[in-house]
């Protein structure tokens, strides 16, 4: 199942960008319209349609995060995973594939390192907290670690292959993660709509 065109096109643009700091803005202006609610609803639809047995084998957990496989589009060379909190302690990793991350719920802490010596000394050169509607691109060779809140969820669109490491999930683990994540995303949709209504009422009263 493909991602909706409204936010697929800018994501594909980000996948085509280089690792230059001048080419990878933290929150790209190419996302000119709000994408959070449609992304949340589409992700919930992907969760509802998930083939548990097949998807579990393509999902991984380790280093404090779990990547739930949701869909792939071979023609356009991208795969879609949902990243949530997982097994183990946060660990520094070096991704093998380019990915774009859309933050849907909760908070995520990112630490990036210039080289292995910085990892050994625990001196990251870039630290940031990501919250819903934040976006970033991650390039191969970038040393970084990710720490999730229990209610965190990010949509990870990457080139072919899993964006995470660790062991594969069992079908029961995948099924449990689906139920837990559906509840988180459902609450996020409700909170987003309530905030939008409150904002609209405030503007109308001015």
C-alpha atoms as a PDB file:
ATOM      1  CA  UNK A   1       0.000   0.000   0.000  1.00  0.00           C
ATOM      2  CA  UNK A   2       1.457   3.368  -1.024  1.00  0.00           C
ATOM      3  CA  UNK A   3       1.661   6.462   1.088  1.00  0.00           C
ATOM      4  CA  UNK A   4      -0.821   9.207   0.178  1.00  0.00           C
ATOM      5  CA  UNK A   5       0.507  11.470  -2.565  1.00  0.00           C
ATOM      6  CA  UNK A   6       0.129  14.583  -0.394  1.00  0.00           C
ATOM      7  CA  UNK A   7       3.154  13.685   1.705  1.00  0.00           C
ATOM      8  CA  UNK A   8       4.789  10.968  -0.381  1.00  0.00           C
ATOM      9  CA  UNK A   9       6.221  13.473  -2.869  1.00  0.00           C
ATOM     10  CA  UNK A  10       8.132  15.607  -0.325  1.00  0.00           C
ATOM     11  CA  UNK A  11       9.371  12.478   1.439  1.00  0.00           C
ATOM     12  CA  UNK A  12      10.752  11.149  -1.833  1.00  0.00           C
ATOM     13  CA  UNK A  13      12.402  14.543  -2.387  1.00  0.00           C
ATOM     14  CA  UNK A  14      14.104  14.221   0.988  1.00  0.00           C
ATOM     15  CA  UNK A  15      15.271  10.690   0.163  1.00  0.00           C
ATOM     16  CA  UNK A  16      16.969  12.136  -2.922  1.00  0.00           C
ATOM     17  CA  UNK A  17      18.858  14.854  -1.032  1.00  0.00           C
ATOM     18  CA  UNK A  18      22.506  14.644  -0.062  1.00  0.00           C
ATOM     19  CA  UNK A  19      24.020  14.598   3.431  1.00  0.00           C
ATOM     20  CA  UNK A  20      25.144  18.220   3.135  1.00  0.00           C
ATOM     21  CA  UNK A  21      23.870  20.340   6.061  1.00  0.00           C
ATOM     22  CA  UNK A  22      22.765  22.883   3.455  1.00  0.00           C
ATOM     23  CA  UNK A  23      20.586  20.251   1.795  1.00  0.00           C
ATOM     24  CA  UNK A  24      18.890  18.628   4.794  1.00  0.00           C
ATOM     25  CA  UNK A  25      16.768  21.067   6.817  1.00  0.00           C
ATOM     26  CA  UNK A  26      15.404  19.797  10.134  1.00  0.00           C
ATOM     27  CA  UNK A  27      11.817  20.679   9.197  1.00  0.00           C
ATOM     28  CA  UNK A  28      11.660  21.103   5.413  1.00  0.00           C
ATOM     29  CA  UNK A  29       9.636  23.938   3.960  1.00  0.00           C
ATOM     30  CA  UNK A  30       8.530  21.568   1.188  1.00  0.00           C
ATOM     31  CA  UNK A  31       5.903  20.290   3.636  1.00  0.00           C
ATOM     32  CA  UNK A  32       3.642  23.270   2.973  1.00  0.00           C
ATOM     33  CA  UNK A  33       0.482  21.725   4.437  1.00  0.00           C
ATOM     34  CA  UNK A  34      -0.228  19.887   7.662  1.00  0.00           C
ATOM     35  CA  UNK A  35       0.550  16.208   7.188  1.00  0.00           C
ATOM     36  CA  UNK A  36       0.188  14.929  10.768  1.00  0.00           C
ATOM     37  CA  UNK A  37      -3.490  13.905  10.811  1.00  0.00           C
ATOM     38  CA  UNK A  38      -3.476  12.164   7.405  1.00  0.00           C
ATOM     39  CA  UNK A  39      -0.222  10.415   8.325  1.00  0.00           C
ATOM     40  CA  UNK A  40      -1.706   9.244  11.639  1.00  0.00           C
ATOM     41  CA  UNK A  41      -4.887   7.978   9.983  1.00  0.00           C
ATOM     42  CA  UNK A  42      -3.010   6.235   7.192  1.00  0.00           C
ATOM     43  CA  UNK A  43      -0.622   4.615   9.659  1.00  0.00           C
ATOM     44  CA  UNK A  44      -3.579   3.299  11.660  1.00  0.00           C
ATOM     45  CA  UNK A  45      -5.014   1.907   8.411  1.00  0.00           C
ATOM     46  CA  UNK A  46      -1.704   0.150   7.699  1.00  0.00           C
ATOM     47  CA  UNK A  47      -1.774  -1.318  11.210  1.00  0.00           C
ATOM     48  CA  UNK A  48      -5.316  -2.590  10.658  1.00  0.00           C
ATOM     49  CA  UNK A  49      -4.332  -4.229   7.348  1.00  0.00           C
ATOM     50  CA  UNK A  50      -1.020  -5.683   8.580  1.00  0.00           C
ATOM     51  CA  UNK A  51      -0.180  -9.301   7.761  1.00  0.00           C
ATOM     52  CA  UNK A  52       1.092 -10.249  11.215  1.00  0.00           C
ATOM     53  CA  UNK A  53       3.022 -13.393  10.273  1.00  0.00           C
ATOM     54  CA  UNK A  54       4.752 -11.803   7.278  1.00  0.00           C
ATOM     55  CA  UNK A  55       5.405  -8.401   8.834  1.00  0.00           C
ATOM     56  CA  UNK A  56       6.788  -9.800  12.101  1.00  0.00           C
ATOM     57  CA  UNK A  57       9.652 -11.472  10.247  1.00  0.00           C
ATOM     58  CA  UNK A  58      10.524  -8.120   8.633  1.00  0.00           C
ATOM     59  CA  UNK A  59      10.381  -6.205  11.942  1.00  0.00           C
ATOM     60  CA  UNK A  60      13.222  -5.817  14.427  1.00  0.00           C
ATOM     61  CA  UNK A  61      13.818  -4.801  18.031  1.00  0.00           C
ATOM     62  CA  UNK A  62      17.029  -3.860  19.831  1.00  0.00           C
ATOM     63  CA  UNK A  63      19.019  -0.868  21.017  1.00  0.00           C
ATOM     64  CA  UNK A  64      15.949   0.565  22.730  1.00  0.00           C
ATOM     65  CA  UNK A  65      13.768   0.738  19.591  1.00  0.00           C
ATOM     66  CA  UNK A  66      11.409  -1.483  17.612  1.00  0.00           C
ATOM     67  CA  UNK A  67      10.828  -1.064  13.875  1.00  0.00           C
ATOM     68  CA  UNK A  68       7.445  -2.501  12.839  1.00  0.00           C
ATOM     69  CA  UNK A  69       7.352  -3.239   9.106  1.00  0.00           C
ATOM     70  CA  UNK A  70       4.145  -1.857   7.545  1.00  0.00           C
ATOM     71  CA  UNK A  71       4.531  -1.715   3.761  1.00  0.00           C
ATOM     72  CA  UNK A  72       6.936  -1.467   0.837  1.00  0.00           C
ATOM     73  CA  UNK A  73       6.845   0.091  -2.606  1.00  0.00           C
ATOM     74  CA  UNK A  74       9.511  -1.684  -4.701  1.00  0.00           C
ATOM     75  CA  UNK A  75       8.821   0.425  -7.803  1.00  0.00           C
ATOM     76  CA  UNK A  76       9.806   3.598  -5.933  1.00  0.00           C
ATOM     77  CA  UNK A  77      12.415   1.842  -3.761  1.00  0.00           C
ATOM     78  CA  UNK A  78      11.088   2.627  -0.311  1.00  0.00           C
ATOM     79  CA  UNK A  79       9.807   0.741   2.709  1.00  0.00           C
ATOM     80  CA  UNK A  80       7.618   2.003   5.561  1.00  0.00           C
ATOM     81  CA  UNK A  81       8.248   1.119   9.218  1.00  0.00           C
ATOM     82  CA  UNK A  82       6.750   2.424  12.449  1.00  0.00           C
ATOM     83  CA  UNK A  83       9.384   3.039  15.142  1.00  0.00           C
ATOM     84  CA  UNK A  84       8.390   2.664  18.787  1.00  0.00           C
ATOM     85  CA  UNK A  85      10.191   1.911  22.073  1.00  0.00           C
ATOM     86  CA  UNK A  86      11.827  -1.517  22.085  1.00  0.00           C
ATOM     87  CA  UNK A  87      14.180  -3.975  23.763  1.00  0.00           C
ATOM     88  CA  UNK A  88      17.516  -3.037  25.276  1.00  0.00           C
ATOM     89  CA  UNK A  89      19.257   0.216  26.084  1.00  0.00           C
ATOM     90  CA  UNK A  90      19.694   3.010  23.526  1.00  0.00           C
ATOM     91  CA  UNK A  91      22.721   2.168  21.398  1.00  0.00           C
ATOM     92  CA  UNK A  92      24.750   4.119  18.861  1.00  0.00           C
ATOM     93  CA  UNK A  93      24.269   2.755  15.355  1.00  0.00           C
ATOM     94  CA  UNK A  94      25.404   3.554  11.832  1.00  0.00           C
ATOM     95  CA  UNK A  95      22.510   3.200   9.361  1.00  0.00           C
ATOM     96  CA  UNK A  96      23.101   1.488   6.047  1.00  0.00           C
ATOM     97  CA  UNK A  97      20.138   3.055   4.262  1.00  0.00           C
ATOM     98  CA  UNK A  98      18.843   6.589   3.766  1.00  0.00           C
ATOM     99  CA  UNK A  99      15.600   7.296   5.660  1.00  0.00           C
ATOM    100  CA  UNK A 100      13.176  10.120   6.406  1.00  0.00           C
ATOM    101  CA  UNK A 101      11.471  10.157   9.798  1.00  0.00           C
ATOM    102  CA  UNK A 102       8.043  11.707  10.418  1.00  0.00           C
ATOM    103  CA  UNK A 103       7.307  12.120  14.137  1.00  0.00           C
ATOM    104  CA  UNK A 104       3.725  11.102  14.916  1.00  0.00           C
ATOM    105  CA  UNK A 105       3.432  10.829  18.712  1.00  0.00           C
ATOM    106  CA  UNK A 106       5.358  11.220  21.957  1.00  0.00           C
ATOM    107  CA  UNK A 107       8.935  12.443  22.170  1.00  0.00           C
ATOM    108  CA  UNK A 108      12.203  11.122  20.798  1.00  0.00           C
ATOM    109  CA  UNK A 109      15.737  12.119  21.819  1.00  0.00           C
ATOM    110  CA  UNK A 110      18.399  12.019  19.100  1.00  0.00           C
ATOM    111  CA  UNK A 111      22.150  12.173  19.741  1.00  0.00           C
ATOM    112  CA  UNK A 112      24.537  12.317  16.765  1.00  0.00           C
ATOM    113  CA  UNK A 113      28.304  11.823  16.855  1.00  0.00           C
ATOM    114  CA  UNK A 114      31.067  12.888  14.447  1.00  0.00           C
ATOM    115  CA  UNK A 115      33.193   9.764  14.866  1.00  0.00           C
ATOM    116  CA  UNK A 116      33.891   6.765  17.090  1.00  0.00           C
ATOM    117  CA  UNK A 117      36.041   8.696  19.555  1.00  0.00           C
ATOM    118  CA  UNK A 118      33.082  10.964  20.351  1.00  0.00           C
ATOM    119  CA  UNK A 119      30.993   7.868  21.036  1.00  0.00           C
ATOM    120  CA  UNK A 120      33.658   6.514  23.413  1.00  0.00           C
ATOM    121  CA  UNK A 121      33.851   9.872  25.215  1.00  0.00           C
ATOM    122  CA  UNK A 122      30.049  10.264  25.158  1.00  0.00           C
ATOM    123  CA  UNK A 123      30.328  13.740  23.614  1.00  0.00           C
ATOM    124  CA  UNK A 124      27.636  14.091  20.939  1.00  0.00           C
ATOM    125  CA  UNK A 125      27.937  17.089  18.612  1.00  0.00           C
ATOM    126  CA  UNK A 126      24.183  17.287  17.993  1.00  0.00           C
ATOM    127  CA  UNK A 127      21.365  16.642  20.478  1.00  0.00           C
ATOM    128  CA  UNK A 128      17.710  17.306  19.816  1.00  0.00           C
ATOM    129  CA  UNK A 129      14.270  16.333  21.048  1.00  0.00           C
ATOM    130  CA  UNK A 130      11.678  15.589  18.360  1.00  0.00           C
ATOM    131  CA  UNK A 131       7.928  15.954  18.949  1.00  0.00           C
ATOM    132  CA  UNK A 132       4.890  15.428  16.665  1.00  0.00           C
ATOM    133  CA  UNK A 133       5.166  17.172  13.260  1.00  0.00           C
ATOM    134  CA  UNK A 134       8.988  17.265  13.384  1.00  0.00           C
ATOM    135  CA  UNK A 135      10.808  15.710  10.422  1.00  0.00           C
ATOM    136  CA  UNK A 136      14.398  14.728   9.800  1.00  0.00           C
ATOM    137  CA  UNK A 137      16.492  12.782   7.292  1.00  0.00           C
ATOM    138  CA  UNK A 138      19.092  10.203   8.333  1.00  0.00           C
ATOM    139  CA  UNK A 139      21.986   9.290   6.029  1.00  0.00           C
ATOM    140  CA  UNK A 140      24.218   6.202   5.817  1.00  0.00           C
ATOM    141  CA  UNK A 141      27.333   6.561   7.922  1.00  0.00           C
ATOM    142  CA  UNK A 142      25.728   8.889  10.472  1.00  0.00           C
ATOM    143  CA  UNK A 143      26.560   7.720  14.001  1.00  0.00           C
ATOM    144  CA  UNK A 144      23.554   8.325  16.214  1.00  0.00           C
ATOM    145  CA  UNK A 145      21.400   6.946  18.995  1.00  0.00           C
ATOM    146  CA  UNK A 146      17.655   7.248  19.538  1.00  0.00           C
ATOM    147  CA  UNK A 147      15.761   7.155  22.825  1.00  0.00           C
ATOM    148  CA  UNK A 148      11.958   6.844  22.743  1.00  0.00           C
ATOM    149  CA  UNK A 149       9.305   7.816  25.253  1.00  0.00           C
ATOM    150  CA  UNK A 150       6.840   4.993  25.934  1.00  0.00           C
ATOM    151  CA  UNK A 151       4.191   6.753  23.828  1.00  0.00           C
ATOM    152  CA  UNK A 152       6.546   7.700  20.989  1.00  0.00           C
ATOM    153  CA  UNK A 153       5.937   6.667  17.391  1.00  0.00           C
ATOM    154  CA  UNK A 154       7.635   7.759  14.187  1.00  0.00           C
ATOM    155  CA  UNK A 155       6.930   6.789  10.605  1.00  0.00           C
ATOM    156  CA  UNK A 156      10.253   5.812   9.016  1.00  0.00           C
ATOM    157  CA  UNK A 157      10.387   5.832   5.209  1.00  0.00           C
ATOM    158  CA  UNK A 158      13.644   4.315   3.992  1.00  0.00           C
ATOM    159  CA  UNK A 159      15.361   2.799   1.007  1.00  0.00           C
ATOM    160  CA  UNK A 160      15.033  -0.975   0.722  1.00  0.00           C
ATOM    161  CA  UNK A 161      15.927  -2.892   3.845  1.00  0.00           C
ATOM    162  CA  UNK A 162      15.163  -2.450   7.530  1.00  0.00           C
ATOM    163  CA  UNK A 163      16.244   0.886   9.060  1.00  0.00           C
ATOM    164  CA  UNK A 164      16.894  -0.846  12.387  1.00  0.00           C
ATOM    165  CA  UNK A 165      18.938  -3.701  13.806  1.00  0.00           C
ATOM    166  CA  UNK A 166      18.383  -6.364  16.420  1.00  0.00           C
ATOM    167  CA  UNK A 167      16.368  -9.544  16.400  1.00  0.00           C
ATOM    168  CA  UNK A 168      13.196 -10.225  14.443  1.00  0.00           C
ATOM    169  CA  UNK A 169       9.834 -10.092  16.214  1.00  0.00           C
ATOM    170  CA  UNK A 170       7.593 -13.060  16.814  1.00  0.00           C
ATOM    171  CA  UNK A 171       4.032 -12.903  15.553  1.00  0.00           C
ATOM    172  CA  UNK A 172       2.759 -12.526  19.133  1.00  0.00           C
ATOM    173  CA  UNK A 173       5.170  -9.626  19.776  1.00  0.00           C
ATOM    174  CA  UNK A 174       4.108  -7.922  16.567  1.00  0.00           C
ATOM    175  CA  UNK A 175       0.422  -8.396  17.418  1.00  0.00           C
ATOM    176  CA  UNK A 176       0.928  -6.957  20.916  1.00  0.00           C
ATOM    177  CA  UNK A 177       2.826  -3.964  19.506  1.00  0.00           C
ATOM    178  CA  UNK A 178       0.010  -3.324  17.012  1.00  0.00           C
ATOM    179  CA  UNK A 179      -2.609  -3.135  19.749  1.00  0.00           C
ATOM    180  CA  UNK A 180      -0.483  -0.900  21.960  1.00  0.00           C
ATOM    181  CA  UNK A 181       0.434   1.430  19.111  1.00  0.00           C
ATOM    182  CA  UNK A 182      -3.124   1.707  17.776  1.00  0.00           C
ATOM    183  CA  UNK A 183      -4.188   3.009  21.196  1.00  0.00           C
ATOM    184  CA  UNK A 184      -1.349   5.574  21.269  1.00  0.00           C
ATOM    185  CA  UNK A 185      -2.078   6.845  17.760  1.00  0.00           C
ATOM    186  CA  UNK A 186      -5.820   6.965  18.451  1.00  0.00           C
ATOM    187  CA  UNK A 187      -5.244   9.184  21.483  1.00  0.00           C
ATOM    188  CA  UNK A 188      -2.905  11.369  19.420  1.00  0.00           C
ATOM    189  CA  UNK A 189      -5.551  11.867  16.720  1.00  0.00           C
ATOM    190  CA  UNK A 190      -8.106  12.869  19.356  1.00  0.00           C
ATOM    191  CA  UNK A 191      -5.676  15.324  20.982  1.00  0.00           C
ATOM    192  CA  UNK A 192      -4.719  16.801  17.596  1.00  0.00           C
ATOM    193  CA  UNK A 193      -8.361  17.361  16.621  1.00  0.00           C
ATOM    194  CA  UNK A 194      -9.201  18.881  19.997  1.00  0.00           C
ATOM    195  CA  UNK A 195      -6.234  21.257  19.685  1.00  0.00           C
ATOM    196  CA  UNK A 196      -7.295  22.234  16.160  1.00  0.00           C
ATOM    197  CA  UNK A 197     -10.848  22.958  17.346  1.00  0.00           C
ATOM    198  CA  UNK A 198      -9.540  25.027  20.247  1.00  0.00           C
ATOM    199  CA  UNK A 199      -7.268  26.976  17.930  1.00  0.00           C
ATOM    200  CA  UNK A 200     -10.118  27.550  15.481  1.00  0.00           C
ATOM    201  CA  UNK A 201     -12.416  28.768  18.265  1.00  0.00           C
ATOM    202  CA  UNK A 202      -9.709  31.129  19.504  1.00  0.00           C
ATOM    203  CA  UNK A 203      -9.245  32.661  16.062  1.00  0.00           C
ATOM    204  CA  UNK A 204     -12.995  33.033  15.615  1.00  0.00           C
ATOM    205  CA  UNK A 205     -13.254  34.891  18.930  1.00  0.00           C
ATOM    206  CA  UNK A 206     -10.593  37.442  17.947  1.00  0.00           C
END
